[in-house]
PDB file of N, CA and C in Angstrom:
ATOM      1  N   UNK A   1     122.822  97.754-189.178  1.00  0.00           N
ATOM      2  CA  UNK A   1     120.834  97.397-189.512  1.00  0.00           C
ATOM      3  C   UNK A   1     121.324  99.251-190.335  1.00  0.00           C
ATOM      4  N   UNK A   2     120.397  99.185-191.258  1.00  0.00           N
ATOM      5  CA  UNK A   2     119.767 100.208-191.286  1.00  0.00           C
ATOM      6  C   UNK A   2     118.729 101.192-190.516  1.00  0.00           C
ATOM      7  N   UNK A   3     118.675 101.948-190.045  1.00  0.00           N
ATOM      8  CA  UNK A   3     117.770 102.775-189.375  1.00  0.00           C
ATOM      9  C   UNK A   3     116.959 103.888-190.309  1.00  0.00           C
ATOM     10  N   UNK A   4     115.265 103.656-190.332  1.00  0.00           N
ATOM     11  CA  UNK A   4     114.761 104.633-191.231  1.00  0.00           C
ATOM     12  C   UNK A   4     113.639 105.201-190.631  1.00  0.00           C
ATOM     13  N   UNK A   5     113.426 106.414-191.217  1.00  0.00           N
ATOM     14  CA  UNK A   5     112.425 107.032-190.056  1.00  0.00           C
ATOM     15  C   UNK A   5     111.196 107.104-191.307  1.00  0.00           C
ATOM     16  N   UNK A   6     110.009 106.621-191.009  1.00  0.00           N
ATOM     17  CA  UNK A   6     108.565 106.708-192.060  1.00  0.00           C
ATOM     18  C   UNK A   6     107.741 107.526-191.482  1.00  0.00           C
ATOM     19  N   UNK A   7     107.048 108.090-192.165  1.00  0.00           N
ATOM     20  CA  UNK A   7     105.366 108.279-191.821  1.00  0.00           C
ATOM     21  C   UNK A   7     104.134 107.732-192.054  1.00  0.00           C
ATOM     22  N   UNK A   8     103.221 107.587-191.486  1.00  0.00           N
ATOM     23  CA  UNK A   8     101.967 106.853-192.251  1.00  0.00           C
ATOM     24  C   UNK A   8     102.092 107.226-193.365  1.00  0.00           C
ATOM     25  N   UNK A   9     101.437 105.791-194.071  1.00  0.00           N
ATOM     26  CA  UNK A   9     101.255 105.311-195.235  1.00  0.00           C
ATOM     27  C   UNK A   9     102.708 105.406-196.371  1.00  0.00           C
ATOM     28  N   UNK A  10     103.738 105.585-195.755  1.00  0.00           N
ATOM     29  CA  UNK A  10     105.148 105.670-196.421  1.00  0.00           C
ATOM     30  C   UNK A  10     105.608 104.600-196.467  1.00  0.00           C
ATOM     31  N   UNK A  11     106.210 103.825-197.399  1.00  0.00           N
ATOM     32  CA  UNK A  11     106.890 103.122-197.837  1.00  0.00           C
ATOM     33  C   UNK A  11     108.622 102.614-197.752  1.00  0.00           C
ATOM     34  N   UNK A  12     108.980 101.476-197.605  1.00  0.00           N
ATOM     35  CA  UNK A  12     110.177 100.871-197.603  1.00  0.00           C
ATOM     36  C   UNK A  12     110.401 100.160-198.835  1.00  0.00           C
ATOM     37  N   UNK A  13     111.257  99.652-199.706  1.00  0.00           N
ATOM     38  CA  UNK A  13     111.162  99.218-200.567  1.00  0.00           C
ATOM     39  C   UNK A  13     112.658  98.642-200.518  1.00  0.00           C
ATOM     40  N   UNK A  14     112.161  96.873-200.442  1.00  0.00           N
ATOM     41  CA  UNK A  14     113.666  95.901-200.271  1.00  0.00           C
ATOM     42  C   UNK A  14     113.815  95.334-201.465  1.00  0.00           C
ATOM     43  N   UNK A  15     115.111  95.163-202.110  1.00  0.00           N
ATOM     44  CA  UNK A  15     114.672  95.026-203.609  1.00  0.00           C
ATOM     45  C   UNK A  15     113.507  95.512-204.611  1.00  0.00           C
ATOM     46  N   UNK A  16     113.278  94.911-205.385  1.00  0.00           N
ATOM     47  CA  UNK A  16     112.511  95.460-206.839  1.00  0.00           C
ATOM     48  C   UNK A  16     111.072  94.706-206.172  1.00  0.00           C
ATOM     49  N   UNK A  17     110.909  93.807-205.405  1.00  0.00           N
ATOM     50  CA  UNK A  17     109.665  93.046-205.029  1.00  0.00           C
ATOM     51  C   UNK A  17     109.073  93.186-203.876  1.00  0.00           C
ATOM     52  N   UNK A  18     109.674  93.591-202.768  1.00  0.00           N
ATOM     53  CA  UNK A  18     109.532  93.865-201.756  1.00  0.00           C
ATOM     54  C   UNK A  18     108.967  95.504-201.063  1.00  0.00           C
ATOM     55  N   UNK A  19     108.038  95.653-200.333  1.00  0.00           N
ATOM     56  CA  UNK A  19     107.250  96.727-199.998  1.00  0.00           C
ATOM     57  C   UNK A  19     106.689  96.707-198.779  1.00  0.00           C
ATOM     58  N   UNK A  20     107.559  97.644-197.953  1.00  0.00           N
ATOM     59  CA  UNK A  20     107.077  97.815-196.524  1.00  0.00           C
ATOM     60  C   UNK A  20     106.061  98.850-196.291  1.00  0.00           C
ATOM     61  N   UNK A  21     104.830  98.893-196.080  1.00  0.00           N
ATOM     62  CA  UNK A  21     104.215  99.986-195.510  1.00  0.00           C
ATOM     63  C   UNK A  21     103.999 100.591-194.256  1.00  0.00           C
ATOM     64  N   UNK A  22     104.054 101.388-193.490  1.00  0.00           N
ATOM     65  CA  UNK A  22     103.486 101.853-192.386  1.00  0.00           C
ATOM     66  C   UNK A  22     102.119 102.137-192.594  1.00  0.00           C
ATOM     67  N   UNK A  23     101.379 101.300-191.489  1.00  0.00           N
ATOM     68  CA  UNK A  23      99.704 101.350-191.639  1.00  0.00           C
ATOM     69  C   UNK A  23      99.035 101.982-190.680  1.00  0.00           C
ATOM     70  N   UNK A  24      99.791 102.360-189.874  1.00  0.00           N
ATOM     71  CA  UNK A  24      99.248 102.541-188.097  1.00  0.00           C
ATOM     72  C   UNK A  24     100.624 102.948-187.043  1.00  0.00           C
ATOM     73  N   UNK A  25     100.000 104.144-186.701  1.00  0.00           N
ATOM     74  CA  UNK A  25     101.367 104.362-185.258  1.00  0.00           C
ATOM     75  C   UNK A  25      99.966 104.867-184.408  1.00  0.00           C
ATOM     76  N   UNK A  26     100.418 104.233-183.356  1.00  0.00           N
ATOM     77  CA  UNK A  26      99.297 104.303-182.091  1.00  0.00           C
ATOM     78  C   UNK A  26     100.312 103.898-180.800  1.00  0.00           C
ATOM     79  N   UNK A  27     100.584 105.041-179.973  1.00  0.00           N
ATOM     80  CA  UNK A  27     101.494 104.990-179.262  1.00  0.00           C
ATOM     81  C   UNK A  27     102.435 104.002-179.531  1.00  0.00           C
ATOM     82  N   UNK A  28     103.089 103.343-178.602  1.00  0.00           N
ATOM     83  CA  UNK A  28     104.245 102.898-178.592  1.00  0.00           C
ATOM     84  C   UNK A  28     104.404 101.000-179.588  1.00  0.00           C
ATOM     85  N   UNK A  29     103.237 101.427-180.298  1.00  0.00           N
ATOM     86  CA  UNK A  29     103.037 100.386-181.630  1.00  0.00           C
ATOM     87  C   UNK A  29     102.608 100.554-182.913  1.00  0.00           C
ATOM     88  N   UNK A  30     103.646 100.196-184.099  1.00  0.00           N
ATOM     89  CA  UNK A  30     103.503 100.641-185.424  1.00  0.00           C
ATOM     90  C   UNK A  30     102.641  99.232-185.889  1.00  0.00           C
ATOM     91  N   UNK A  31     101.757  99.559-186.754  1.00  0.00           N
ATOM     92  CA  UNK A  31     101.488  98.605-187.688  1.00  0.00           C
ATOM     93  C   UNK A  31     102.188  98.600-189.434  1.00  0.00           C
ATOM     94  N   UNK A  32     102.494  97.889-189.637  1.00  0.00           N
ATOM     95  CA  UNK A  32     102.902  97.647-190.990  1.00  0.00           C
ATOM     96  C   UNK A  32     102.401  96.526-192.311  1.00  0.00           C
ATOM     97  N   UNK A  33     102.670  96.669-193.179  1.00  0.00           N
ATOM     98  CA  UNK A  33     102.008  96.044-194.271  1.00  0.00           C
ATOM     99  C   UNK A  33     103.096  95.670-195.239  1.00  0.00           C
ATOM    100  N   UNK A  34     103.527  94.426-195.218  1.00  0.00           N
ATOM    101  CA  UNK A  34     104.568  93.683-196.073  1.00  0.00           C
ATOM    102  C   UNK A  34     103.573  93.278-197.515  1.00  0.00           C
ATOM    103  N   UNK A  35     104.467  93.791-198.503  1.00  0.00           N
ATOM    104  CA  UNK A  35     103.834  93.127-199.779  1.00  0.00           C
ATOM    105  C   UNK A  35     105.152  92.630-200.252  1.00  0.00           C
ATOM    106  N   UNK A  36     104.677  90.933-200.673  1.00  0.00           N
ATOM    107  CA  UNK A  36     106.288  90.273-201.500  1.00  0.00           C
ATOM    108  C   UNK A  36     105.289  88.880-202.039  1.00  0.00           C
ATOM    109  N   UNK A  37     106.428  88.697-203.539  1.00  0.00           N
ATOM    110  CA  UNK A  37     105.769  87.587-203.873  1.00  0.00           C
ATOM    111  C   UNK A  37     106.152  86.562-202.919  1.00  0.00           C
ATOM    112  N   UNK A  38     104.709  85.800-203.068  1.00  0.00           N
ATOM    113  CA  UNK A  38     104.138  84.422-202.589  1.00  0.00           C
ATOM    114  C   UNK A  38     105.630  83.521-202.321  1.00  0.00           C
ATOM    115  N   UNK A  39     106.706  83.336-202.817  1.00  0.00           N
ATOM    116  CA  UNK A  39     107.781  82.575-202.675  1.00  0.00           C
ATOM    117  C   UNK A  39     108.328  83.321-201.877  1.00  0.00           C
ATOM    118  N   UNK A  40     108.310  84.122-201.193  1.00  0.00           N
ATOM    119  CA  UNK A  40     109.131  84.858-199.795  1.00  0.00           C
ATOM    120  C   UNK A  40     108.447  84.664-198.850  1.00  0.00           C
ATOM    121  N   UNK A  41     108.765  83.864-197.904  1.00  0.00           N
ATOM    122  CA  UNK A  41     108.103  83.737-196.641  1.00  0.00           C
ATOM    123  C   UNK A  41     108.083  84.975-195.676  1.00  0.00           C
ATOM    124  N   UNK A  42     107.479  85.389-194.950  1.00  0.00           N
ATOM    125  CA  UNK A  42     107.199  86.320-193.809  1.00  0.00           C
ATOM    126  C   UNK A  42     106.443  86.176-192.833  1.00  0.00           C
ATOM    127  N   UNK A  43     107.390  85.942-191.869  1.00  0.00           N
ATOM    128  CA  UNK A  43     106.831  85.397-190.483  1.00  0.00           C
ATOM    129  C   UNK A  43     107.517  86.607-189.487  1.00  0.00           C
ATOM    130  N   UNK A  44     106.305  86.941-188.691  1.00  0.00           N
ATOM    131  CA  UNK A  44     106.655  87.991-186.941  1.00  0.00           C
ATOM    132  C   UNK A  44     107.913  86.766-186.709  1.00  0.00           C
ATOM    133  N   UNK A  45     109.113  87.340-186.036  1.00  0.00           N
ATOM    134  CA  UNK A  45     110.104  86.462-185.474  1.00  0.00           C
ATOM    135  C   UNK A  45     110.239  85.532-184.439  1.00  0.00           C
ATOM    136  N   UNK A  46     109.274  85.839-183.521  1.00  0.00           N
ATOM    137  CA  UNK A  46     108.685  85.161-182.686  1.00  0.00           C
ATOM    138  C   UNK A  46     108.278  83.517-183.490  1.00  0.00           C
ATOM    139  N   UNK A  47     107.310  83.718-184.440  1.00  0.00           N
ATOM    140  CA  UNK A  47     106.881  82.815-185.030  1.00  0.00           C
ATOM    141  C   UNK A  47     108.074  81.893-185.757  1.00  0.00           C
ATOM    142  N   UNK A  48     108.642  82.616-186.269  1.00  0.00           N
ATOM    143  CA  UNK A  48     109.962  82.180-187.064  1.00  0.00           C
ATOM    144  C   UNK A  48     110.720  81.131-185.927  1.00  0.00           C
ATOM    145  N   UNK A  49     111.197  82.041-185.407  1.00  0.00           N
ATOM    146  CA  UNK A  49     111.731  81.262-183.795  1.00  0.00           C
ATOM    147  C   UNK A  49     111.083  79.630-183.445  1.00  0.00           C
ATOM    148  N   UNK A  50     109.775  79.655-183.587  1.00  0.00           N
ATOM    149  CA  UNK A  50     109.449  78.742-183.155  1.00  0.00           C
ATOM    150  C   UNK A  50     109.198  77.618-184.082  1.00  0.00           C
ATOM    151  N   UNK A  51     109.145  78.067-185.678  1.00  0.00           N
ATOM    152  CA  UNK A  51     108.888  77.071-186.732  1.00  0.00           C
ATOM    153  C   UNK A  51     110.376  76.347-186.494  1.00  0.00           C
ATOM    154  N   UNK A  52     111.626  77.437-186.401  1.00  0.00           N
ATOM    155  CA  UNK A  52     112.974  76.826-186.180  1.00  0.00           C
ATOM    156  C   UNK A  52     113.291  76.042-185.503  1.00  0.00           C
ATOM    157  N   UNK A  53     112.792  76.100-184.341  1.00  0.00           N
ATOM    158  CA  UNK A  53     112.877  75.359-183.226  1.00  0.00           C
ATOM    159  C   UNK A  53     112.180  73.414-183.230  1.00  0.00           C
ATOM    160  N   UNK A  54     111.037  73.905-183.780  1.00  0.00           N
ATOM    161  CA  UNK A  54     110.152  72.738-183.882  1.00  0.00           C
ATOM    162  C   UNK A  54     110.981  71.902-184.775  1.00  0.00           C
ATOM    163  N   UNK A  55     111.503  72.548-186.130  1.00  0.00           N
ATOM    164  CA  UNK A  55     111.962  71.603-187.176  1.00  0.00           C
ATOM    165  C   UNK A  55     113.257  71.327-186.558  1.00  0.00           C
ATOM    166  N   UNK A  56     113.813  71.873-186.325  1.00  0.00           N
ATOM    167  CA  UNK A  56     115.275  71.035-185.326  1.00  0.00           C
ATOM    168  C   UNK A  56     115.061  69.675-184.446  1.00  0.00           C
ATOM    169  N   UNK A  57     114.183  70.264-183.337  1.00  0.00           N
ATOM    170  CA  UNK A  57     113.311  68.930-182.506  1.00  0.00           C
ATOM    171  C   UNK A  57     113.085  67.799-183.352  1.00  0.00           C
ATOM    172  N   UNK A  58     112.273  68.130-184.524  1.00  0.00           N
ATOM    173  CA  UNK A  58     112.103  66.627-185.573  1.00  0.00           C
ATOM    174  C   UNK A  58     112.962  66.421-185.848  1.00  0.00           C
ATOM    175  N   UNK A  59     114.176  67.241-186.449  1.00  0.00           N
ATOM    176  CA  UNK A  59     115.453  66.475-187.078  1.00  0.00           C
ATOM    177  C   UNK A  59     116.086  65.212-186.192  1.00  0.00           C
ATOM    178  N   UNK A  60     116.032  66.203-184.789  1.00  0.00           N
ATOM    179  CA  UNK A  60     116.640  65.367-183.662  1.00  0.00           C
ATOM    180  C   UNK A  60     115.870  64.041-183.677  1.00  0.00           C
ATOM    181  N   UNK A  61     114.962  64.191-183.678  1.00  0.00           N
ATOM    182  CA  UNK A  61     113.714  63.149-182.848  1.00  0.00           C
ATOM    183  C   UNK A  61     114.057  62.179-184.328  1.00  0.00           C
ATOM    184  N   UNK A  62     114.261  62.418-185.472  1.00  0.00           N
ATOM    185  CA  UNK A  62     114.295  61.387-186.461  1.00  0.00           C
ATOM    186  C   UNK A  62     115.517  60.804-186.533  1.00  0.00           C
ATOM    187  N   UNK A  63     116.603  61.575-186.013  1.00  0.00           N
ATOM    188  CA  UNK A  63     118.323  61.130-186.047  1.00  0.00           C
ATOM    189  C   UNK A  63     117.855  59.890-185.298  1.00  0.00           C
ATOM    190  N   UNK A  64     117.198  59.810-183.709  1.00  0.00           N
ATOM    191  CA  UNK A  64     117.132  59.042-183.139  1.00  0.00           C
ATOM    192  C   UNK A  64     116.438  58.098-183.401  1.00  0.00           C
ATOM    193  N   UNK A  65     115.467  57.992-183.950  1.00  0.00           N
ATOM    194  CA  UNK A  65     114.620  56.967-184.732  1.00  0.00           C
ATOM    195  C   UNK A  65     115.366  56.160-185.700  1.00  0.00           C
ATOM    196  N   UNK A  66     116.352  56.772-186.296  1.00  0.00           N
ATOM    197  CA  UNK A  66     117.176  55.743-187.676  1.00  0.00           C
ATOM    198  C   UNK A  66     117.965  54.988-186.792  1.00  0.00           C
ATOM    199  N   UNK A  67     118.830  55.920-185.738  1.00  0.00           N
ATOM    200  CA  UNK A  67     119.777  55.571-185.247  1.00  0.00           C
ATOM    201  C   UNK A  67     119.359  54.248-184.210  1.00  0.00           C
ATOM    202  N   UNK A  68     117.793  54.079-183.727  1.00  0.00           N
ATOM    203  CA  UNK A  68     117.294  52.688-183.106  1.00  0.00           C
ATOM    204  C   UNK A  68     117.131  51.729-183.948  1.00  0.00           C
ATOM    205  N   UNK A  69     116.563  51.991-185.505  1.00  0.00           N
ATOM    206  CA  UNK A  69     116.512  51.116-186.433  1.00  0.00           C
ATOM    207  C   UNK A  69     117.856  50.806-187.114  1.00  0.00           C
ATOM    208  N   UNK A  70     118.787  51.158-186.549  1.00  0.00           N
ATOM    209  CA  UNK A  70     119.924  50.636-187.785  1.00  0.00           C
ATOM    210  C   UNK A  70     120.322  49.805-186.795  1.00  0.00           C
ATOM    211  N   UNK A  71     120.003  49.083-185.680  1.00  0.00           N
ATOM    212  CA  UNK A  71     120.708  47.867-185.358  1.00  0.00           C
ATOM    213  C   UNK A  71     119.492  46.649-185.406  1.00  0.00           C
ATOM    214  N   UNK A  72     118.580  46.797-186.308  1.00  0.00           N
ATOM    215  CA  UNK A  72     117.682  46.062-186.640  1.00  0.00           C
ATOM    216  C   UNK A  72     118.035  44.921-187.965  1.00  0.00           C
ATOM    217  N   UNK A  73     118.203  43.584-188.039  1.00  0.00           N
ATOM    218  CA  UNK A  73     118.733  43.069-189.175  1.00  0.00           C
ATOM    219  C   UNK A  73     117.390  42.537-189.927  1.00  0.00           C
ATOM    220  N   UNK A  74     117.548  41.776-190.999  1.00  0.00           N
ATOM    221  CA  UNK A  74     116.387  41.241-191.498  1.00  0.00           C
ATOM    222  C   UNK A  74     116.988  39.609-191.582  1.00  0.00           C
ATOM    223  N   UNK A  75     115.793  39.300-191.293  1.00  0.00           N
ATOM    224  CA  UNK A  75     115.719  37.498-191.044  1.00  0.00           C
ATOM    225  C   UNK A  75     115.378  36.585-192.442  1.00  0.00           C
TER     226      UNK A  75
END
């Protein structure tokens, strides 16, 4: 993990296309702005994990539905 110190309005660059700007520091909370191409999806970690879990559950459900259909035969 790379650890960097930044002050308000200073940026961190990730590659050439992604920048992170420190917008506000208030107590133990830091507001950041992320500029990235539209092709790069940016999520808070808890949202990313929720999406990942939902996708996994949907895939598992789809697999179960396919298995139950595999026993059907055409008349």
